[in-house]
């Protein structure tokens, strides 16, 4: 009974904290010539990390997509799988505004006159307001469902896409959108675009077919700048697919932010030289800081991910560079000294090897279970040094 009460209390407190970080704002739009209601989620760290920037996500159909997205974003950030985000939801269902906001012309699949105004509201007025009033990083995402999902694509097919990532949940695609998407995705050159698409069992045969056709087209795109993922939730209803799509999309879009996965290692790192593996690791975190505003130290897990390449290739020539990089990041850790020690040991410079092995050993806290294993490095080098002395001075 106590455990049940404790669980209820934790959920209740989490709900309170969640709601405390959400502001409901009436936004007077000059472009729309009316008021629109926004939900704005700002992460708790925003108030004390005063120089940090945050990725921005715009959520359409906010009445039922916003809380779902915010909840998942908090979970992913807490597990270090995605950066914290500033999330802005636009309410569109009070008077059925979504149909006017996101309508399209059947003749050419482009936005109606009213939808073009809503497009300008987001692109010019809303984003400008958010960038002036919040610390926004360069990375921006837009999320839509069914009709509003189709609308997100107009921000992609323009000359300079407004967003870096597009989450299309069971979109009601306009007829020409698949062709327009293919043309655009083939020609992306500057920055990566992340495009997520999902489907569900409740779509009509016509809507399902155009989604499948779009998937076929986008899978054929041969452009490293265009990152694409498709989920077919064949046993899920339209509503259930929302709950499945959001976390899947987050995992896909923010894969670069996460620590190195098995797939990332196999596809991007496995065949690199030691110098290129170190450069890949450093560049990964430079890009994380630039796009997401997150000034992370290289995770120890990622250091160990490339360790085998540094140790096994080119006779350990890059062990010193690797160790020095680690010492800059984790000054109190013995790991950097260990790699530099190995570098000098491999080169038979035993005096220098001892210096770094001893330095690393002194960093271990008293009673550390790894102490004996680490000290074996010192003993091994002492034996090698003494053996070399005897070899060079056989008469002494």
Protein backbone atom coordinates (compact mmCIF):
# COMPACT_ATOMS: atom_id res chain seq x y z
CA UNK A 1 0.00 0.00 0.00
CA UNK A 2 2.87 2.35 0.85
CA UNK A 3 4.47 1.65 -2.54
CA UNK A 4 1.22 2.46 -4.34
CA UNK A 5 0.84 5.73 -2.43
CA UNK A 6 4.46 6.62 -3.16
CA UNK A 7 3.98 5.97 -6.89
CA UNK A 8 0.85 8.14 -6.93
CA UNK A 9 2.75 10.91 -5.14
CA UNK A 10 5.63 10.77 -7.63
CA UNK A 11 3.24 10.95 -10.59
CA UNK A 12 1.33 13.83 -8.96
CA UNK A 13 4.52 15.79 -8.29
CA UNK A 14 5.81 15.16 -11.82
CA UNK A 15 2.54 16.47 -13.24
CA UNK A 16 2.82 19.63 -11.13
CA UNK A 17 6.43 20.23 -12.26
CA UNK A 18 5.46 19.55 -15.87
CA UNK A 19 2.64 22.10 -15.76
CA UNK A 20 4.77 24.71 -13.99
CA UNK A 21 7.03 24.93 -17.05
CA UNK A 22 4.18 25.53 -19.51
CA UNK A 23 2.83 28.97 -20.29
CA UNK A 24 -0.43 29.52 -22.15
CA UNK A 25 -0.13 32.70 -24.18
CA UNK A 26 -2.65 34.66 -26.22
CA UNK A 27 -0.69 35.85 -29.24
CA UNK A 28 -2.05 38.80 -31.18
CA UNK A 29 -1.04 38.15 -34.78
CA UNK A 30 -0.79 41.04 -37.20
CA UNK A 31 -0.49 38.63 -40.12
CA UNK A 32 -3.55 36.56 -39.16
CA UNK A 33 -5.43 39.61 -37.90
CA UNK A 34 -6.65 37.66 -34.88
CA UNK A 35 -5.54 36.11 -31.60
CA UNK A 36 -4.02 32.62 -31.48
CA UNK A 37 -3.44 30.61 -28.35
CA UNK A 38 0.01 29.13 -27.81
CA UNK A 39 1.35 26.64 -25.30
CA UNK A 40 5.03 27.24 -24.53
CA UNK A 41 7.17 24.71 -22.67
CA UNK A 42 10.54 25.91 -21.36
CA UNK A 43 12.88 23.36 -19.70
CA UNK A 44 13.65 23.89 -15.98
CA UNK A 45 17.35 24.46 -16.73
CA UNK A 46 16.50 27.57 -18.78
CA UNK A 47 16.40 29.80 -15.69
CA UNK A 48 19.88 28.94 -14.38
CA UNK A 49 21.82 28.07 -17.54
CA UNK A 50 21.66 31.63 -18.76
CA UNK A 51 23.89 31.25 -21.83
CA UNK A 52 22.59 27.92 -23.09
CA UNK A 53 20.55 27.74 -26.28
CA UNK A 54 17.74 25.25 -26.90
CA UNK A 55 16.35 23.60 -30.04
CA UNK A 56 12.87 24.79 -30.97
CA UNK A 57 9.93 22.55 -31.82
CA UNK A 58 6.66 23.87 -33.25
CA UNK A 59 3.73 21.50 -32.61
CA UNK A 60 0.57 21.90 -34.70
CA UNK A 61 -2.77 20.55 -33.42
CA UNK A 62 -1.46 21.43 -29.97
CA UNK A 63 -4.66 20.45 -28.16
CA UNK A 64 -3.76 16.80 -28.44
CA UNK A 65 -0.17 16.63 -29.77
CA UNK A 66 1.55 19.11 -27.44
CA UNK A 67 1.46 17.20 -24.15
CA UNK A 68 2.43 13.98 -25.91
CA UNK A 69 5.47 15.61 -27.45
CA UNK A 70 6.53 17.48 -24.31
CA UNK A 71 6.25 14.35 -22.15
CA UNK A 72 8.42 12.35 -24.54
CA UNK A 73 10.95 15.15 -24.90
CA UNK A 74 11.37 15.30 -21.12
CA UNK A 75 11.88 11.53 -20.97
CA UNK A 76 14.45 11.53 -23.79
CA UNK A 77 16.35 14.45 -22.27
CA UNK A 78 16.43 12.79 -18.85
CA UNK A 79 17.97 9.68 -20.44
CA UNK A 80 20.51 11.76 -22.41
CA UNK A 81 18.94 10.63 -25.69
CA UNK A 82 17.93 14.11 -26.86
CA UNK A 83 18.65 17.71 -25.87
CA UNK A 84 16.19 19.71 -23.81
CA UNK A 85 13.87 21.64 -26.11
CA UNK A 86 11.73 24.74 -26.12
CA UNK A 87 8.38 23.50 -27.42
CA UNK A 88 5.62 25.75 -28.77
CA UNK A 89 2.18 24.38 -29.54
CA UNK A 90 -0.39 26.17 -31.69
CA UNK A 91 -4.01 25.47 -30.80
CA UNK A 92 -6.06 24.82 -33.94
CA UNK A 93 -9.16 22.95 -32.85
CA UNK A 94 -11.25 25.45 -30.89
CA UNK A 95 -13.32 26.37 -33.94
CA UNK A 96 -11.85 23.93 -36.43
CA UNK A 97 -9.12 26.39 -37.43
CA UNK A 98 -6.89 23.58 -38.69
CA UNK A 99 -8.99 23.20 -41.86
CA UNK A 100 -8.50 26.84 -42.77
CA UNK A 101 -4.93 27.00 -41.47
CA UNK A 102 -3.72 23.96 -43.37
CA UNK A 103 -5.96 23.60 -46.41
CA UNK A 104 -4.56 23.06 -49.89
CA UNK A 105 -5.72 23.54 -53.47
CA UNK A 106 -6.61 20.29 -55.19
CA UNK A 107 -5.47 21.64 -58.53
CA UNK A 108 -1.80 22.21 -57.63
CA UNK A 109 -1.49 20.87 -54.02
CA UNK A 110 -0.24 24.25 -52.77
CA UNK A 111 -1.72 26.05 -49.73
CA UNK A 112 -5.01 27.88 -50.07
CA UNK A 113 -4.96 31.64 -49.61
CA UNK A 114 -5.88 31.25 -45.91
CA UNK A 115 -3.25 28.54 -45.41
CA UNK A 116 -0.62 30.72 -47.06
CA UNK A 117 -1.36 33.39 -44.44
CA UNK A 118 -0.96 30.81 -41.65
CA UNK A 119 2.31 29.70 -43.27
CA UNK A 120 3.59 33.29 -43.18
CA UNK A 121 2.44 33.63 -39.56
CA UNK A 122 4.67 30.72 -38.51
CA UNK A 123 7.62 31.44 -40.77
CA UNK A 124 7.87 35.18 -40.23
CA UNK A 125 5.94 36.31 -37.19
CA UNK A 126 6.00 33.44 -34.71
CA UNK A 127 9.57 32.25 -35.21
CA UNK A 128 10.86 35.83 -35.15
CA UNK A 129 9.02 36.43 -31.87
CA UNK A 130 10.43 33.25 -30.34
CA UNK A 131 14.00 33.98 -31.46
CA UNK A 132 13.78 37.48 -30.01
CA UNK A 133 12.40 36.34 -26.66
CA UNK A 134 14.02 32.95 -26.07
CA UNK A 135 17.48 31.49 -26.51
CA UNK A 136 16.88 29.36 -29.58
CA UNK A 137 19.57 27.18 -31.17
CA UNK A 138 19.77 26.73 -34.97
CA UNK A 139 17.94 23.37 -34.89
CA UNK A 140 14.18 23.54 -35.41
CA UNK A 141 11.51 20.83 -35.70
CA UNK A 142 7.87 20.94 -36.78
CA UNK A 143 5.26 18.31 -35.91
CA UNK A 144 1.88 17.65 -37.51
CA UNK A 145 -0.79 14.95 -37.75
CA UNK A 146 -3.00 14.04 -40.75
CA UNK A 147 -3.95 17.38 -42.39
CA UNK A 148 -1.47 19.45 -40.36
CA UNK A 149 1.26 16.89 -41.19
CA UNK A 150 0.78 17.59 -44.87
CA UNK A 151 1.09 21.31 -44.12
CA UNK A 152 4.55 20.90 -42.55
CA UNK A 153 5.95 19.95 -45.94
CA UNK A 154 5.51 23.45 -47.34
CA UNK A 155 8.33 24.54 -45.01
CA UNK A 156 10.57 21.89 -46.57
CA UNK A 157 9.94 22.35 -50.28
CA UNK A 158 10.75 26.08 -50.16
CA UNK A 159 14.19 27.22 -51.33
CA UNK A 160 15.64 27.42 -47.81
CA UNK A 161 13.79 25.07 -45.44
CA UNK A 162 12.59 26.79 -42.28
CA UNK A 163 13.01 23.63 -40.20
CA UNK A 164 15.70 20.97 -39.86
CA UNK A 165 13.34 18.16 -38.88
CA UNK A 166 9.82 17.23 -39.99
CA UNK A 167 7.54 14.82 -38.13
CA UNK A 168 4.68 13.68 -40.37
CA UNK A 169 2.23 11.51 -38.43
CA UNK A 170 -0.22 9.73 -40.78
CA UNK A 171 -0.25 12.68 -43.23
CA UNK A 172 -3.16 13.43 -45.53
CA UNK A 173 -0.84 14.21 -48.42
CA UNK A 174 -1.89 16.53 -51.19
CA UNK A 175 -1.58 14.75 -54.53
CA UNK A 176 1.63 16.41 -55.72
CA UNK A 177 3.49 16.47 -52.41
CA UNK A 178 5.39 13.17 -52.99
CA UNK A 179 6.89 14.51 -56.24
CA UNK A 180 7.74 17.86 -54.64
CA UNK A 181 9.38 16.04 -51.73
CA UNK A 182 11.47 13.94 -54.09
CA UNK A 183 12.66 16.98 -55.99
CA UNK A 184 13.62 18.79 -52.80
CA UNK A 185 15.21 15.88 -50.94
CA UNK A 186 17.39 15.04 -53.93
CA UNK A 187 18.81 18.56 -54.05
CA UNK A 188 19.47 19.33 -50.36
CA UNK A 189 23.09 20.49 -50.09
CA UNK A 190 23.86 22.58 -47.03
CA UNK A 191 22.49 21.10 -43.80
CA UNK A 192 21.00 17.74 -42.91
CA UNK A 193 17.23 17.41 -43.11
CA UNK A 194 15.49 14.80 -40.95
CA UNK A 195 12.20 13.52 -42.28
CA UNK A 196 9.97 11.18 -40.27
CA UNK A 197 6.84 9.57 -41.74
CA UNK A 198 4.34 7.17 -40.16
CA UNK A 199 1.16 5.35 -41.16
CA UNK A 200 -1.69 3.55 -39.35
CA UNK A 201 -4.41 0.99 -40.05
CA UNK A 202 -7.30 3.52 -40.00
CA UNK A 203 -6.28 5.45 -43.11
CA UNK A 204 -8.48 5.10 -46.17
CA UNK A 205 -7.10 3.03 -49.00
CA UNK A 206 -6.36 6.18 -51.02
CA UNK A 207 -4.50 7.95 -48.18
CA UNK A 208 -2.58 4.79 -47.29
CA UNK A 209 -1.49 4.29 -50.89
CA UNK A 210 -0.11 7.80 -51.27
CA UNK A 211 1.85 7.37 -48.01
CA UNK A 212 3.28 4.08 -49.30
CA UNK A 213 4.15 5.71 -52.62
CA UNK A 214 5.87 8.53 -50.78
CA UNK A 215 7.85 6.02 -48.75
CA UNK A 216 8.98 4.25 -51.91
CA UNK A 217 10.03 7.55 -53.46
CA UNK A 218 11.90 8.83 -50.39
CA UNK A 219 13.70 5.54 -49.82
CA UNK A 220 15.15 5.88 -53.31
CA UNK A 221 16.72 9.27 -52.57
CA UNK A 222 20.50 9.06 -52.75
CA UNK A 223 21.55 12.10 -50.73
CA UNK A 224 23.55 11.87 -47.51
CA UNK A 225 22.02 15.17 -46.37
CA UNK A 226 18.51 13.73 -46.40
CA UNK A 227 17.86 11.50 -43.37
CA UNK A 228 14.66 9.50 -43.62
CA UNK A 229 12.67 7.08 -41.47
CA UNK A 230 9.31 5.42 -42.06
CA UNK A 231 7.11 3.53 -39.56
CA UNK A 232 4.07 1.52 -40.66
CA UNK A 233 1.95 0.89 -37.56
CA UNK A 234 -0.27 -1.64 -39.30
CA UNK A 235 -2.04 -2.77 -36.12
CA UNK A 236 -2.51 0.67 -34.61
CA UNK A 237 -5.43 3.05 -34.78
CA UNK A 238 -5.01 6.67 -35.80
CA UNK A 239 -4.83 7.71 -32.15
CA UNK A 240 -2.50 4.91 -31.03
CA UNK A 241 -0.12 5.69 -33.89
CA UNK A 242 0.44 9.17 -32.45
CA UNK A 243 1.76 7.69 -29.22
CA UNK A 244 4.07 5.40 -31.16
CA UNK A 245 5.23 7.95 -33.72
CA UNK A 246 6.45 10.66 -31.36
CA UNK A 247 9.09 8.64 -29.45
CA UNK A 248 10.19 6.88 -32.64
CA UNK A 249 10.64 10.23 -34.36
CA UNK A 250 12.57 11.67 -31.41
CA UNK A 251 14.94 8.70 -31.37
CA UNK A 252 15.53 9.10 -35.11
CA UNK A 253 15.93 12.89 -35.23
CA UNK A 254 18.23 13.16 -32.23
CA UNK A 255 20.32 10.07 -32.89
CA UNK A 256 23.35 12.29 -33.45
CA UNK A 257 22.90 13.80 -29.98
CA UNK A 258 22.89 10.38 -28.31
CA UNK A 259 26.01 8.46 -27.46
CA UNK A 260 27.42 6.36 -30.28
CA UNK A 261 25.06 3.49 -31.10
CA UNK A 262 26.01 0.15 -32.60
CA UNK A 263 24.60 1.25 -35.96
CA UNK A 264 26.49 4.56 -35.88
CA UNK A 265 29.73 2.73 -35.14
CA UNK A 266 29.19 0.12 -37.85
CA UNK A 267 28.12 2.63 -40.50
CA UNK A 268 30.29 5.66 -39.75
CA UNK A 269 33.28 4.74 -37.59
CA UNK A 270 34.31 1.11 -37.88
CA UNK A 271 36.56 1.50 -40.94
CA UNK A 272 38.11 4.85 -40.02
CA UNK A 273 41.79 5.37 -39.32
CA UNK A 274 42.72 6.36 -35.74
CA UNK A 275 43.15 10.01 -36.79
CA UNK A 276 39.77 10.04 -38.52
CA UNK A 277 38.07 8.26 -35.59
CA UNK A 278 39.34 10.93 -33.18
CA UNK A 279 38.26 13.67 -35.60
CA UNK A 280 34.81 12.06 -35.98
CA UNK A 281 34.38 12.05 -32.20
CA UNK A 282 35.43 15.68 -31.84
CA UNK A 283 33.29 16.82 -34.79
CA UNK A 284 30.24 14.98 -33.42
CA UNK A 285 30.35 17.07 -30.26
CA UNK A 286 31.11 20.32 -32.09
CA UNK A 287 27.98 19.72 -34.17
CA UNK A 288 25.94 18.85 -31.07
CA UNK A 289 26.93 22.17 -29.50
CA UNK A 290 26.22 24.15 -32.68
CA UNK A 291 22.84 22.62 -33.53
CA UNK A 292 21.41 21.91 -30.10
CA UNK A 293 23.18 24.47 -27.89
CA UNK A 294 24.41 21.66 -25.62
CA UNK A 295 28.03 22.08 -24.57
CA UNK A 296 28.66 18.44 -23.67
CA UNK A 297 31.95 16.88 -22.82
CA UNK A 298 32.65 13.84 -24.97
CA UNK A 299 30.95 11.01 -23.10
CA UNK A 300 33.22 8.32 -21.67
CA UNK A 301 31.02 5.76 -23.41
CA UNK A 302 31.89 7.34 -26.76
CA UNK A 303 35.58 7.40 -25.90
CA UNK A 304 35.47 3.66 -25.28
CA UNK A 305 33.50 3.18 -28.51
CA UNK A 306 36.51 4.24 -30.61
CA UNK A 307 39.12 2.77 -28.28
CA UNK A 308 39.62 -0.41 -30.30
CA UNK A 309 40.45 1.58 -33.44
CA UNK A 310 43.05 3.65 -31.59
CA UNK A 311 44.63 0.58 -29.98
CA UNK A 312 44.59 -1.82 -32.90
CA UNK A 313 45.55 0.28 -35.89
CA UNK A 314 48.83 1.89 -36.94
CA UNK A 315 50.86 0.53 -34.01
CA UNK A 316 49.35 2.88 -31.44
CA UNK A 317 50.71 6.04 -33.09
CA UNK A 318 47.61 7.99 -32.04
CA UNK A 319 47.42 6.81 -28.43
CA UNK A 320 49.12 10.01 -27.25
CA UNK A 321 46.65 12.25 -29.11
CA UNK A 322 43.79 10.18 -27.73
CA UNK A 323 45.08 10.38 -24.18
CA UNK A 324 45.70 14.12 -24.35
CA UNK A 325 42.15 14.66 -25.61
CA UNK A 326 40.79 12.65 -22.68
CA UNK A 327 42.96 14.52 -20.16
CA UNK A 328 41.51 17.82 -21.36
CA UNK A 329 37.99 16.50 -20.90
CA UNK A 330 38.43 14.46 -17.73
CA UNK A 331 41.37 15.91 -15.88
CA UNK A 332 40.73 13.84 -12.74
CA UNK A 333 40.38 10.55 -14.61
CA UNK A 334 43.30 8.11 -14.97
CA UNK A 335 42.15 7.04 -18.44
CA UNK A 336 44.04 9.73 -20.40
CA UNK A 337 47.30 9.03 -18.56
CA UNK A 338 46.82 5.32 -19.25
CA UNK A 339 46.66 5.84 -23.02
CA UNK A 340 49.65 8.20 -23.05
CA UNK A 341 51.53 5.66 -20.93
CA UNK A 342 50.70 2.97 -23.46
CA UNK A 343 51.95 5.20 -26.25
CA UNK A 344 55.35 5.61 -24.62
CA UNK A 345 55.48 1.96 -23.58
CA UNK A 346 54.83 0.88 -27.19
CA UNK A 347 57.72 3.12 -28.26
CA UNK A 348 59.97 1.64 -25.53
CA UNK A 349 60.27 5.00 -23.81
CA UNK A 350 59.82 3.45 -20.41
CA UNK A 351 60.78 6.49 -18.32
CA UNK A 352 57.95 8.52 -19.86
CA UNK A 353 55.59 5.56 -19.69
CA UNK A 354 56.24 5.22 -15.95
CA UNK A 355 55.62 8.93 -15.47
CA UNK A 356 52.12 8.73 -16.96
CA UNK A 357 51.18 5.38 -15.45
CA UNK A 358 52.16 6.70 -12.01
CA UNK A 359 50.23 9.92 -12.64
CA UNK A 360 47.12 7.91 -13.53
CA UNK A 361 47.56 5.64 -10.53
CA UNK A 362 47.69 8.63 -8.17
CA UNK A 363 44.31 9.81 -9.52
CA UNK A 364 42.55 6.64 -8.39
CA UNK A 365 40.61 7.16 -5.15
CA UNK A 366 41.63 5.17 -2.09
CA UNK A 367 40.09 1.71 -2.11
CA UNK A 368 39.29 1.79 -5.83
CA UNK A 369 38.83 -1.85 -7.00
CA UNK A 370 40.80 -1.03 -10.17
CA UNK A 371 43.93 0.00 -8.26
CA UNK A 372 45.68 -3.36 -8.43
CA UNK A 373 44.97 -3.77 -12.12
CA UNK A 374 46.23 -0.27 -12.88
CA UNK A 375 49.39 -0.81 -10.82
CA UNK A 376 50.22 -3.80 -13.00
CA UNK A 377 51.05 -1.31 -15.75
CA UNK A 378 53.74 0.21 -13.54
CA UNK A 379 55.18 -3.20 -12.60
CA UNK A 380 55.23 -4.33 -16.23
CA UNK A 381 57.12 -1.23 -17.38
CA UNK A 382 59.60 -1.50 -14.50
CA UNK A 383 60.39 -5.06 -15.60
CA UNK A 384 60.83 -3.95 -19.21
CA UNK A 385 63.03 -1.06 -18.17
CA UNK A 386 65.21 -3.27 -15.99
CA UNK A 387 65.40 -5.89 -18.73
CA UNK A 388 66.53 -3.28 -21.23
CA UNK A 389 69.19 -2.01 -18.82
CA UNK A 390 70.57 -5.52 -18.34
CA UNK A 391 70.53 -6.11 -22.10
CA UNK A 392 72.43 -2.87 -22.74
CA UNK A 393 74.88 -3.40 -19.84
CA UNK A 394 75.56 -7.15 -19.72
CA UNK A 395 78.78 -6.78 -17.64
CA UNK A 396 77.14 -4.83 -14.76
